[in-house]
PDB file of N, CA and C in Angstrom:
ATOM      1  N   MET A   1      -5.488  -1.080   7.950  1.00  0.00           N
ATOM      2  CA  MET A   1      -5.512  -2.016   6.850  1.00  0.00           C
ATOM      3  C   MET A   1      -5.428  -1.215   5.549  1.00  0.00           C
ATOM      4  N   ALA A   2      -4.509  -1.577   4.725  1.00  0.00           N
ATOM      5  CA  ALA A   2      -4.340  -0.903   3.442  1.00  0.00           C
ATOM      6  C   ALA A   2      -5.255  -1.542   2.407  1.00  0.00           C
ATOM      7  N   PRO A   3      -5.633  -0.782   1.398  1.00  0.00           N
ATOM      8  CA  PRO A   3      -6.456  -1.385   0.348  1.00  0.00           C
ATOM      9  C   PRO A   3      -5.645  -2.412  -0.453  1.00  0.00           C
ATOM     10  N   PRO A   4      -6.322  -3.378  -1.054  1.00  0.00           N
ATOM     11  CA  PRO A   4      -5.620  -4.371  -1.854  1.00  0.00           C
ATOM     12  C   PRO A   4      -5.100  -3.761  -3.152  1.00  0.00           C
ATOM     13  N   PRO A   5      -4.350  -4.535  -3.916  1.00  0.00           N
ATOM     14  CA  PRO A   5      -3.807  -4.010  -5.173  1.00  0.00           C
ATOM     15  C   PRO A   5      -4.926  -3.641  -6.145  1.00  0.00           C
ATOM     16  N   PRO A   6      -4.623  -2.776  -7.097  1.00  0.00           N
ATOM     17  CA  PRO A   6      -5.639  -2.383  -8.075  1.00  0.00           C
ATOM     18  C   PRO A   6      -5.995  -3.555  -8.996  1.00  0.00           C
ATOM     19  N   PRO A   7      -7.128  -3.462  -9.669  1.00  0.00           N
ATOM     20  CA  PRO A   7      -7.536  -4.538 -10.575  1.00  0.00           C
ATOM     21  C   PRO A   7      -6.489  -4.870 -11.635  1.00  0.00           C
ATOM     22  N   SER A   8      -5.692  -3.888 -12.033  1.00  0.00           N
ATOM     23  CA  SER A   8      -4.668  -4.148 -13.054  1.00  0.00           C
ATOM     24  C   SER A   8      -3.591  -5.124 -12.567  1.00  0.00           C
ATOM     25  N   ALA A   9      -3.507  -5.359 -11.266  1.00  0.00           N
ATOM     26  CA  ALA A   9      -2.534  -6.296 -10.718  1.00  0.00           C
ATOM     27  C   ALA A   9      -3.038  -7.738 -10.749  1.00  0.00           C
ATOM     28  N   VAL A  10      -4.303  -7.911 -11.108  1.00  0.00           N
ATOM     29  CA  VAL A  10      -4.920  -9.232 -11.161  1.00  0.00           C
ATOM     30  C   VAL A  10      -5.076  -9.623 -12.637  1.00  0.00           C
ATOM     31  N   PRO A  11      -4.824 -10.880 -12.992  1.00  0.00           N
ATOM     32  CA  PRO A  11      -5.012 -11.256 -14.392  1.00  0.00           C
ATOM     33  C   PRO A  11      -6.454 -10.999 -14.841  1.00  0.00           C
ATOM     34  N   PRO A  12      -6.629 -10.350 -15.977  1.00  0.00           N
ATOM     35  CA  PRO A  12      -7.992 -10.073 -16.447  1.00  0.00           C
ATOM     36  C   PRO A  12      -8.678 -11.348 -16.927  1.00  0.00           C
ATOM     37  N   PRO A  13      -9.985 -11.310 -17.063  1.00  0.00           N
ATOM     38  CA  PRO A  13     -10.679 -12.470 -17.640  1.00  0.00           C
ATOM     39  C   PRO A  13     -10.164 -12.717 -19.053  1.00  0.00           C
ATOM     40  N   LEU A  14     -10.305 -13.928 -19.494  1.00  0.00           N
ATOM     41  CA  LEU A  14      -9.851 -14.272 -20.838  1.00  0.00           C
ATOM     42  C   LEU A  14     -10.769 -13.651 -21.883  1.00  0.00           C
ATOM     43  N   ASP A  15     -10.169 -12.983 -22.861  1.00  0.00           N
ATOM     44  CA  ASP A  15     -10.958 -12.450 -23.968  1.00  0.00           C
ATOM     45  C   ASP A  15     -11.170 -13.565 -24.988  1.00  0.00           C
ATOM     46  N   SER A  16     -11.915 -13.285 -26.034  1.00  0.00           N
ATOM     47  CA  SER A  16     -12.249 -14.332 -26.996  1.00  0.00           C
ATOM     48  C   SER A  16     -11.016 -14.880 -27.705  1.00  0.00           C
ATOM     49  N   ALA A  17     -10.012 -14.033 -27.970  1.00  0.00           N
ATOM     50  CA  ALA A  17      -8.788 -14.508 -28.618  1.00  0.00           C
ATOM     51  C   ALA A  17      -8.044 -15.484 -27.712  1.00  0.00           C
ATOM     52  N   ALA A  18      -7.910 -15.142 -26.445  1.00  0.00           N
ATOM     53  CA  ALA A  18      -7.224 -16.021 -25.498  1.00  0.00           C
ATOM     54  C   ALA A  18      -8.033 -17.289 -25.262  1.00  0.00           C
ATOM     55  N   ALA A  19      -9.345 -17.162 -25.228  1.00  0.00           N
ATOM     56  CA  ALA A  19     -10.208 -18.319 -25.001  1.00  0.00           C
ATOM     57  C   ALA A  19     -10.092 -19.317 -26.154  1.00  0.00           C
ATOM     58  N   SER A  20      -9.876 -18.815 -27.355  1.00  0.00           N
ATOM     59  CA  SER A  20      -9.751 -19.715 -28.508  1.00  0.00           C
ATOM     60  C   SER A  20      -8.451 -20.517 -28.461  1.00  0.00           C
ATOM     61  N   GLN A  21      -7.503 -20.088 -27.641  1.00  0.00           N
ATOM     62  CA  GLN A  21      -6.225 -20.791 -27.500  1.00  0.00           C
ATOM     63  C   GLN A  21      -6.239 -21.841 -26.385  1.00  0.00           C
ATOM     64  N   LEU A  22      -7.339 -21.921 -25.667  1.00  0.00           N
ATOM     65  CA  LEU A  22      -7.429 -22.897 -24.579  1.00  0.00           C
ATOM     66  C   LEU A  22      -7.530 -24.312 -25.132  1.00  0.00           C
ATOM     67  N   PRO A  23      -7.078 -25.272 -24.339  1.00  0.00           N
ATOM     68  CA  PRO A  23      -7.285 -26.667 -24.748  1.00  0.00           C
ATOM     69  C   PRO A  23      -8.782 -26.949 -24.871  1.00  0.00           C
ATOM     70  N   PRO A  24      -9.153 -27.914 -25.674  1.00  0.00           N
ATOM     71  CA  PRO A  24     -10.590 -28.199 -25.873  1.00  0.00           C
ATOM     72  C   PRO A  24     -11.311 -28.652 -24.605  1.00  0.00           C
ATOM     73  N   THR A  25     -10.557 -29.000 -23.576  1.00  0.00           N
ATOM     74  CA  THR A  25     -11.184 -29.455 -22.328  1.00  0.00           C
ATOM     75  C   THR A  25     -11.468 -28.309 -21.350  1.00  0.00           C
ATOM     76  N   GLU A  26     -11.069 -27.071 -21.711  1.00  0.00           N
ATOM     77  CA  GLU A  26     -11.258 -25.936 -20.809  1.00  0.00           C
ATOM     78  C   GLU A  26     -12.034 -24.823 -21.492  1.00  0.00           C
ATOM     79  N   ARG A  27     -12.641 -23.995 -20.636  1.00  0.00           N
ATOM     80  CA  ARG A  27     -13.338 -22.799 -21.124  1.00  0.00           C
ATOM     81  C   ARG A  27     -13.185 -21.693 -20.081  1.00  0.00           C
ATOM     82  N   PRO A  28     -13.383 -20.435 -20.494  1.00  0.00           N
ATOM     83  CA  PRO A  28     -13.288 -19.340 -19.515  1.00  0.00           C
ATOM     84  C   PRO A  28     -14.328 -19.519 -18.410  1.00  0.00           C
ATOM     85  N   ASN A  29     -13.950 -19.142 -17.215  1.00  0.00           N
ATOM     86  CA  ASN A  29     -14.837 -19.243 -16.066  1.00  0.00           C
ATOM     87  C   ASN A  29     -15.695 -17.978 -15.973  1.00  0.00           C
ATOM     88  N   PRO A  30     -17.010 -18.096 -16.178  1.00  0.00           N
ATOM     89  CA  PRO A  30     -17.861 -16.894 -16.089  1.00  0.00           C
ATOM     90  C   PRO A  30     -17.862 -16.275 -14.689  1.00  0.00           C
ATOM     91  N   ALA A  31     -17.668 -17.082 -13.656  1.00  0.00           N
ATOM     92  CA  ALA A  31     -17.622 -16.548 -12.289  1.00  0.00           C
ATOM     93  C   ALA A  31     -16.406 -15.642 -12.115  1.00  0.00           C
ATOM     94  N   TYR A  32     -15.287 -16.018 -12.740  1.00  0.00           N
ATOM     95  CA  TYR A  32     -14.089 -15.183 -12.659  1.00  0.00           C
ATOM     96  C   TYR A  32     -14.351 -13.833 -13.319  1.00  0.00           C
ATOM     97  N   ARG A  33     -14.986 -13.842 -14.478  1.00  0.00           N
ATOM     98  CA  ARG A  33     -15.301 -12.592 -15.179  1.00  0.00           C
ATOM     99  C   ARG A  33     -16.193 -11.695 -14.305  1.00  0.00           C
ATOM    100  N   GLU A  34     -17.194 -12.277 -13.675  1.00  0.00           N
ATOM    101  CA  GLU A  34     -18.107 -11.509 -12.813  1.00  0.00           C
ATOM    102  C   GLU A  34     -17.374 -10.929 -11.602  1.00  0.00           C
ATOM    103  N   LEU A  35     -16.548 -11.741 -10.969  1.00  0.00           N
ATOM    104  CA  LEU A  35     -15.793 -11.260  -9.806  1.00  0.00           C
ATOM    105  C   LEU A  35     -14.801 -10.168 -10.196  1.00  0.00           C
ATOM    106  N   TYR A  36     -14.149 -10.349 -11.325  1.00  0.00           N
ATOM    107  CA  TYR A  36     -13.196  -9.341 -11.798  1.00  0.00           C
ATOM    108  C   TYR A  36     -13.923  -8.017 -12.043  1.00  0.00           C
ATOM    109  N   GLN A  37     -15.077  -8.075 -12.686  1.00  0.00           N
ATOM    110  CA  GLN A  37     -15.833  -6.858 -12.956  1.00  0.00           C
ATOM    111  C   GLN A  37     -16.325  -6.222 -11.655  1.00  0.00           C
ATOM    112  N   ALA A  38     -16.781  -7.050 -10.725  1.00  0.00           N
ATOM    113  CA  ALA A  38     -17.230  -6.527  -9.427  1.00  0.00           C
ATOM    114  C   ALA A  38     -16.070  -5.852  -8.693  1.00  0.00           C
ATOM    115  N   TYR A  39     -14.894  -6.460  -8.782  1.00  0.00           N
ATOM    116  CA  TYR A  39     -13.723  -5.891  -8.126  1.00  0.00           C
ATOM    117  C   TYR A  39     -13.335  -4.561  -8.764  1.00  0.00           C
ATOM    118  N   ALA A  40     -13.320  -4.524 -10.076  1.00  0.00           N
ATOM    119  CA  ALA A  40     -12.979  -3.283 -10.782  1.00  0.00           C
ATOM    120  C   ALA A  40     -13.995  -2.183 -10.453  1.00  0.00           C
ATOM    121  N   ASP A  41     -15.267  -2.533 -10.431  1.00  0.00           N
ATOM    122  CA  ASP A  41     -16.304  -1.542 -10.108  1.00  0.00           C
ATOM    123  C   ASP A  41     -16.159  -1.042  -8.675  1.00  0.00           C
ATOM    124  N   ALA A  42     -15.984  -1.965  -7.744  1.00  0.00           N
ATOM    125  CA  ALA A  42     -15.851  -1.581  -6.332  1.00  0.00           C
ATOM    126  C   ALA A  42     -14.590  -0.751  -6.119  1.00  0.00           C
ATOM    127  N   TYR A  43     -13.496  -1.163  -6.726  1.00  0.00           N
ATOM    128  CA  TYR A  43     -12.235  -0.443  -6.566  1.00  0.00           C
ATOM    129  C   TYR A  43     -12.361   0.982  -7.094  1.00  0.00           C
ATOM    130  N   GLY A  44     -13.073   1.130  -8.207  1.00  0.00           N
ATOM    131  CA  GLY A  44     -13.235   2.454  -8.796  1.00  0.00           C
ATOM    132  C   GLY A  44     -14.097   3.387  -7.962  1.00  0.00           C
ATOM    133  N   GLY A  45     -15.023   2.843  -7.186  1.00  0.00           N
ATOM    134  CA  GLY A  45     -15.930   3.685  -6.415  1.00  0.00           C
ATOM    135  C   GLY A  45     -15.666   3.724  -4.924  1.00  0.00           C
ATOM    136  N   ILE A  46     -14.690   2.972  -4.465  1.00  0.00           N
ATOM    137  CA  ILE A  46     -14.482   2.848  -3.018  1.00  0.00           C
ATOM    138  C   ILE A  46     -13.967   4.137  -2.391  1.00  0.00           C
ATOM    139  N   THR A  47     -13.284   4.956  -3.164  1.00  0.00           N
ATOM    140  CA  THR A  47     -12.757   6.210  -2.614  1.00  0.00           C
ATOM    141  C   THR A  47     -13.892   7.101  -2.116  1.00  0.00           C
ATOM    142  N   ARG A  48     -14.988   7.137  -2.864  1.00  0.00           N
ATOM    143  CA  ARG A  48     -16.145   7.936  -2.420  1.00  0.00           C
ATOM    144  C   ARG A  48     -16.656   7.431  -1.077  1.00  0.00           C
ATOM    145  N   LEU A  49     -16.707   6.135  -0.899  1.00  0.00           N
ATOM    146  CA  LEU A  49     -17.172   5.575   0.369  1.00  0.00           C
ATOM    147  C   LEU A  49     -16.174   5.867   1.493  1.00  0.00           C
ATOM    148  N   ARG A  50     -14.877   5.635   1.226  1.00  0.00           N
ATOM    149  CA  ARG A  50     -13.850   5.865   2.246  1.00  0.00           C
ATOM    150  C   ARG A  50     -13.836   7.317   2.718  1.00  0.00           C
ATOM    151  N   ASP A  51     -14.114   8.252   1.818  1.00  0.00           N
ATOM    152  CA  ASP A  51     -14.015   9.678   2.129  1.00  0.00           C
ATOM    153  C   ASP A  51     -15.363  10.335   2.431  1.00  0.00           C
ATOM    154  N   ALA A  52     -16.404   9.546   2.598  1.00  0.00           N
ATOM    155  CA  ALA A  52     -17.757  10.098   2.759  1.00  0.00           C
ATOM    156  C   ALA A  52     -17.895  11.022   3.973  1.00  0.00           C
ATOM    157  N   LEU A  53     -17.172  10.776   5.039  1.00  0.00           N
ATOM    158  CA  LEU A  53     -17.302  11.591   6.247  1.00  0.00           C
ATOM    159  C   LEU A  53     -16.281  12.726   6.323  1.00  0.00           C
ATOM    160  N   ASP A  54     -15.393  12.812   5.343  1.00  0.00           N
ATOM    161  CA  ASP A  54     -14.380  13.868   5.366  1.00  0.00           C
ATOM    162  C   ASP A  54     -14.967  15.285   5.390  1.00  0.00           C
ATOM    163  N   PRO A  55     -15.997  15.587   4.600  1.00  0.00           N
ATOM    164  CA  PRO A  55     -16.546  16.951   4.665  1.00  0.00           C
ATOM    165  C   PRO A  55     -17.062  17.316   6.054  1.00  0.00           C
ATOM    166  N   ALA A  56     -17.691  16.385   6.733  1.00  0.00           N
ATOM    167  CA  ALA A  56     -18.188  16.667   8.084  1.00  0.00           C
ATOM    168  C   ALA A  56     -17.033  16.914   9.050  1.00  0.00           C
ATOM    169  N   VAL A  57     -15.975  16.148   8.925  1.00  0.00           N
ATOM    170  CA  VAL A  57     -14.798  16.336   9.782  1.00  0.00           C
ATOM    171  C   VAL A  57     -14.169  17.699   9.507  1.00  0.00           C
ATOM    172  N   ARG A  58     -14.037  18.044   8.233  1.00  0.00           N
ATOM    173  CA  ARG A  58     -13.468  19.363   7.892  1.00  0.00           C
ATOM    174  C   ARG A  58     -14.322  20.494   8.452  1.00  0.00           C
ATOM    175  N   THR A  59     -15.623  20.395   8.298  1.00  0.00           N
ATOM    176  CA  THR A  59     -16.509  21.443   8.809  1.00  0.00           C
ATOM    177  C   THR A  59     -16.364  21.583  10.317  1.00  0.00           C
ATOM    178  N   LEU A  60     -16.312  20.478  11.007  1.00  0.00           N
ATOM    179  CA  LEU A  60     -16.194  20.526  12.464  1.00  0.00           C
ATOM    180  C   LEU A  60     -14.839  21.076  12.899  1.00  0.00           C
ATOM    181  N   ASN A  61     -13.779  20.682  12.215  1.00  0.00           N
ATOM    182  CA  ASN A  61     -12.431  21.060  12.639  1.00  0.00           C
ATOM    183  C   ASN A  61     -11.975  22.426  12.136  1.00  0.00           C
ATOM    184  N   GLU A  62     -12.496  22.881  11.014  1.00  0.00           N
ATOM    185  CA  GLU A  62     -11.980  24.103  10.408  1.00  0.00           C
ATOM    186  C   GLU A  62     -12.883  25.319  10.601  1.00  0.00           C
ATOM    187  N   THR A  63     -13.982  25.149  11.278  1.00  0.00           N
ATOM    188  CA  THR A  63     -14.882  26.288  11.503  1.00  0.00           C
ATOM    189  C   THR A  63     -15.255  26.360  12.974  1.00  0.00           C
ATOM    190  N   ASP A  64     -15.883  27.425  13.318  1.00  0.00           N
ATOM    191  CA  ASP A  64     -16.414  27.586  14.668  1.00  0.00           C
ATOM    192  C   ASP A  64     -17.896  27.246  14.689  1.00  0.00           C
ATOM    193  N   ALA A  65     -18.282  26.310  13.827  1.00  0.00           N
ATOM    194  CA  ALA A  65     -19.690  25.949  13.697  1.00  0.00           C
ATOM    195  C   ALA A  65     -20.255  25.413  15.004  1.00  0.00           C
ATOM    196  N   TRP A  66     -19.414  24.736  15.770  1.00  0.00           N
ATOM    197  CA  TRP A  66     -19.906  24.133  17.006  1.00  0.00           C
ATOM    198  C   TRP A  66     -18.715  24.016  17.947  1.00  0.00           C
ATOM    199  N   LEU A  67     -18.817  24.575  19.106  1.00  0.00           N
ATOM    200  CA  LEU A  67     -17.725  24.575  20.080  1.00  0.00           C
ATOM    201  C   LEU A  67     -18.203  23.988  21.391  1.00  0.00           C
ATOM    202  N   GLY A  68     -17.276  23.547  22.197  1.00  0.00           N
ATOM    203  CA  GLY A  68     -17.617  23.078  23.529  1.00  0.00           C
ATOM    204  C   GLY A  68     -17.377  21.593  23.701  1.00  0.00           C
ATOM    205  N   PRO A  69     -17.625  21.102  24.924  1.00  0.00           N
ATOM    206  CA  PRO A  69     -17.355  19.696  25.224  1.00  0.00           C
ATOM    207  C   PRO A  69     -18.206  18.731  24.393  1.00  0.00           C
ATOM    208  N   GLU A  70     -19.452  19.097  24.135  1.00  0.00           N
ATOM    209  CA  GLU A  70     -20.307  18.226  23.319  1.00  0.00           C
ATOM    210  C   GLU A  70     -19.770  18.120  21.902  1.00  0.00           C
ATOM    211  N   ALA A  71     -19.270  19.239  21.372  1.00  0.00           N
ATOM    212  CA  ALA A  71     -18.693  19.238  20.022  1.00  0.00           C
ATOM    213  C   ALA A  71     -17.450  18.346  19.980  1.00  0.00           C
ATOM    214  N   ARG A  72     -16.619  18.438  20.997  1.00  0.00           N
ATOM    215  CA  ARG A  72     -15.419  17.594  21.027  1.00  0.00           C
ATOM    216  C   ARG A  72     -15.801  16.110  21.131  1.00  0.00           C
ATOM    217  N   GLN A  73     -16.796  15.815  21.964  1.00  0.00           N
ATOM    218  CA  GLN A  73     -17.232  14.428  22.106  1.00  0.00           C
ATOM    219  C   GLN A  73     -17.798  13.915  20.779  1.00  0.00           C
ATOM    220  N   TRP A  74     -18.652  14.726  20.158  1.00  0.00           N
ATOM    221  CA  TRP A  74     -19.232  14.327  18.875  1.00  0.00           C
ATOM    222  C   TRP A  74     -18.139  14.199  17.819  1.00  0.00           C
ATOM    223  N   GLY A  75     -17.163  15.102  17.833  1.00  0.00           N
ATOM    224  CA  GLY A  75     -16.047  15.039  16.889  1.00  0.00           C
ATOM    225  C   GLY A  75     -15.235  13.769  17.066  1.00  0.00           C
ATOM    226  N   GLY A  76     -15.045  13.354  18.304  1.00  0.00           N
ATOM    227  CA  GLY A  76     -14.339  12.099  18.562  1.00  0.00           C
ATOM    228  C   GLY A  76     -15.100  10.905  18.010  1.00  0.00           C
ATOM    229  N   GLN A  77     -16.410  10.929  18.182  1.00  0.00           N
ATOM    230  CA  GLN A  77     -17.232   9.851  17.630  1.00  0.00           C
ATOM    231  C   GLN A  77     -17.195   9.870  16.097  1.00  0.00           C
ATOM    232  N   LEU A  78     -17.220  11.069  15.538  1.00  0.00           N
ATOM    233  CA  LEU A  78     -17.164  11.207  14.083  1.00  0.00           C
ATOM    234  C   LEU A  78     -15.840  10.652  13.548  1.00  0.00           C
ATOM    235  N   ASP A  79     -14.735  10.977  14.197  1.00  0.00           N
ATOM    236  CA  ASP A  79     -13.438  10.435  13.784  1.00  0.00           C
ATOM    237  C   ASP A  79     -13.408   8.912  13.889  1.00  0.00           C
ATOM    238  N   ALA A  80     -13.960   8.384  14.967  1.00  0.00           N
ATOM    239  CA  ALA A  80     -13.997   6.925  15.141  1.00  0.00           C
ATOM    240  C   ALA A  80     -14.851   6.279  14.052  1.00  0.00           C
ATOM    241  N   ASN A  81     -15.981   6.887  13.754  1.00  0.00           N
ATOM    242  CA  ASN A  81     -16.845   6.340  12.708  1.00  0.00           C
ATOM    243  C   ASN A  81     -16.197   6.443  11.332  1.00  0.00           C
ATOM    244  N   ARG A  82     -15.456   7.512  11.101  1.00  0.00           N
ATOM    245  CA  ARG A  82     -14.747   7.649   9.828  1.00  0.00           C
ATOM    246  C   ARG A  82     -13.708   6.538   9.702  1.00  0.00           C
ATOM    247  N   GLY A  83     -13.003   6.247  10.776  1.00  0.00           N
ATOM    248  CA  GLY A  83     -12.039   5.139  10.747  1.00  0.00           C
ATOM    249  C   GLY A  83     -12.720   3.799  10.496  1.00  0.00           C
ATOM    250  N   SER A  84     -13.860   3.593  11.133  1.00  0.00           N
ATOM    251  CA  SER A  84     -14.605   2.340  10.926  1.00  0.00           C
ATOM    252  C   SER A  84     -15.096   2.218   9.484  1.00  0.00           C
ATOM    253  N   LEU A  85     -15.554   3.325   8.928  1.00  0.00           N
ATOM    254  CA  LEU A  85     -16.024   3.319   7.542  1.00  0.00           C
ATOM    255  C   LEU A  85     -14.889   2.978   6.586  1.00  0.00           C
ATOM    256  N   ARG A  86     -13.732   3.552   6.814  1.00  0.00           N
ATOM    257  CA  ARG A  86     -12.576   3.265   5.953  1.00  0.00           C
ATOM    258  C   ARG A  86     -12.152   1.800   6.070  1.00  0.00           C
ATOM    259  N   LYS A  87     -12.158   1.267   7.278  1.00  0.00           N
ATOM    260  CA  LYS A  87     -11.813  -0.143   7.459  1.00  0.00           C
ATOM    261  C   LYS A  87     -12.830  -1.048   6.761  1.00  0.00           C
ATOM    262  N   ALA A  88     -14.105  -0.683   6.872  1.00  0.00           N
ATOM    263  CA  ALA A  88     -15.147  -1.479   6.217  1.00  0.00           C
ATOM    264  C   ALA A  88     -14.994  -1.434   4.697  1.00  0.00           C
ATOM    265  N   ALA A  89     -14.680  -0.262   4.161  1.00  0.00           N
ATOM    266  CA  ALA A  89     -14.482  -0.134   2.716  1.00  0.00           C
ATOM    267  C   ALA A  89     -13.315  -1.011   2.267  1.00  0.00           C
ATOM    268  N   ASP A  90     -12.221  -0.975   2.998  1.00  0.00           N
ATOM    269  CA  ASP A  90     -11.076  -1.811   2.655  1.00  0.00           C
ATOM    270  C   ASP A  90     -11.416  -3.294   2.794  1.00  0.00           C
ATOM    271  N   ARG A  91     -12.204  -3.632   3.799  1.00  0.00           N
ATOM    272  CA  ARG A  91     -12.602  -5.034   3.997  1.00  0.00           C
ATOM    273  C   ARG A  91     -13.440  -5.532   2.814  1.00  0.00           C
ATOM    274  N   ILE A  92     -14.314  -4.681   2.307  1.00  0.00           N
ATOM    275  CA  ILE A  92     -15.119  -5.045   1.131  1.00  0.00           C
ATOM    276  C   ILE A  92     -14.192  -5.390  -0.032  1.00  0.00           C
ATOM    277  N   LEU A  93     -13.231  -4.518  -0.280  1.00  0.00           N
ATOM    278  CA  LEU A  93     -12.297  -4.768  -1.380  1.00  0.00           C
ATOM    279  C   LEU A  93     -11.490  -6.046  -1.148  1.00  0.00           C
ATOM    280  N   TRP A  94     -10.988  -6.229   0.070  1.00  0.00           N
ATOM    281  CA  TRP A  94     -10.204  -7.432   0.356  1.00  0.00           C
ATOM    282  C   TRP A  94     -11.034  -8.693   0.182  1.00  0.00           C
ATOM    283  N   ASP A  95     -12.305  -8.651   0.597  1.00  0.00           N
ATOM    284  CA  ASP A  95     -13.165  -9.831   0.441  1.00  0.00           C
ATOM    285  C   ASP A  95     -13.336 -10.198  -1.031  1.00  0.00           C
ATOM    286  N   ILE A  96     -13.588  -9.199  -1.870  1.00  0.00           N
ATOM    287  CA  ILE A  96     -13.740  -9.474  -3.303  1.00  0.00           C
ATOM    288  C   ILE A  96     -12.403  -9.935  -3.881  1.00  0.00           C
ATOM    289  N   TYR A  97     -11.317  -9.256  -3.517  1.00  0.00           N
ATOM    290  CA  TYR A  97      -9.992  -9.614  -4.007  1.00  0.00           C
ATOM    291  C   TYR A  97      -9.635 -11.053  -3.623  1.00  0.00           C
ATOM    292  N   ASP A  98      -9.860 -11.409  -2.374  1.00  0.00           N
ATOM    293  CA  ASP A  98      -9.545 -12.768  -1.918  1.00  0.00           C
ATOM    294  C   ASP A  98     -10.354 -13.805  -2.690  1.00  0.00           C
ATOM    295  N   ARG A  99     -11.614 -13.526  -2.887  1.00  0.00           N
ATOM    296  CA  ARG A  99     -12.460 -14.464  -3.649  1.00  0.00           C
ATOM    297  C   ARG A  99     -11.987 -14.563  -5.093  1.00  0.00           C
ATOM    298  N   LEU A 100     -11.680 -13.420  -5.696  1.00  0.00           N
ATOM    299  CA  LEU A 100     -11.187 -13.397  -7.076  1.00  0.00           C
ATOM    300  C   LEU A 100      -9.870 -14.165  -7.185  1.00  0.00           C
ATOM    301  N   SER A 101      -8.973 -13.942  -6.248  1.00  0.00           N
ATOM    302  CA  SER A 101      -7.666 -14.613  -6.265  1.00  0.00           C
ATOM    303  C   SER A 101      -7.793 -16.128  -6.123  1.00  0.00           C
ATOM    304  N   ALA A 102      -8.835 -16.587  -5.463  1.00  0.00           N
ATOM    305  CA  ALA A 102      -9.042 -18.025  -5.251  1.00  0.00           C
ATOM    306  C   ALA A 102      -9.843 -18.676  -6.379  1.00  0.00           C
ATOM    307  N   THR A 103     -10.311 -17.884  -7.327  1.00  0.00           N
ATOM    308  CA  THR A 103     -11.140 -18.389  -8.424  1.00  0.00           C
ATOM    309  C   THR A 103     -10.277 -18.615  -9.660  1.00  0.00           C
ATOM    310  N   HIS A 104     -10.448 -19.766 -10.287  1.00  0.00           N
ATOM    311  CA  HIS A 104      -9.699 -20.093 -11.504  1.00  0.00           C
ATOM    312  C   HIS A 104     -10.263 -19.338 -12.700  1.00  0.00           C
ATOM    313  N   ARG A 105      -9.371 -18.919 -13.583  1.00  0.00           N
ATOM    314  CA  ARG A 105      -9.797 -18.208 -14.804  1.00  0.00           C
ATOM    315  C   ARG A 105     -10.478 -19.137 -15.787  1.00  0.00           C
ATOM    316  N   THR A 106     -10.175 -20.421 -15.702  1.00  0.00           N
ATOM    317  CA  THR A 106     -10.806 -21.399 -16.591  1.00  0.00           C
ATOM    318  C   THR A 106     -11.445 -22.507 -15.763  1.00  0.00           C
ATOM    319  N   ILE A 107     -12.390 -23.171 -16.400  1.00  0.00           N
ATOM    320  CA  ILE A 107     -13.045 -24.322 -15.783  1.00  0.00           C
ATOM    321  C   ILE A 107     -13.118 -25.426 -16.840  1.00  0.00           C
ATOM    322  N   PRO A 108     -13.311 -26.660 -16.386  1.00  0.00           N
ATOM    323  CA  PRO A 108     -13.422 -27.755 -17.353  1.00  0.00           C
ATOM    324  C   PRO A 108     -14.673 -27.586 -18.228  1.00  0.00           C
ATOM    325  N   ARG A 109     -14.511 -27.917 -19.462  1.00  0.00           N
ATOM    326  CA  ARG A 109     -15.645 -27.901 -20.394  1.00  0.00           C
ATOM    327  C   ARG A 109     -16.470 -29.155 -20.116  1.00  0.00           C
ATOM    328  N   THR A 110     -17.755 -28.960 -19.960  1.00  0.00           N
ATOM    329  CA  THR A 110     -18.619 -30.121 -19.676  1.00  0.00           C
ATOM    330  C   THR A 110     -19.497 -30.446 -20.841  1.00  0.00           C
TER     331      THR A 110
END
């Protein structure tokens, strides 16, 4: 699963200038602003999460720190867990992106 598009590909929340141009029956949606910010924050930090197990994989694969059948078995589990972590990180982003994409930038003024 590939990561979703960057936050710049999603329309940003309405700023005060754009909000002043809205019809009197509409206003900016605060939920959209919150989701957009959450998406931007998550997108900016997700690389650290996706790559969290890379140093352990490098140490195991590039050194003689641990050899033998147990090391290979543990290395296989480490690779599988690294793949699961990356999928989970992408799923987090997709969940926020999907929610953001389904949320309107404006809501009716009440």
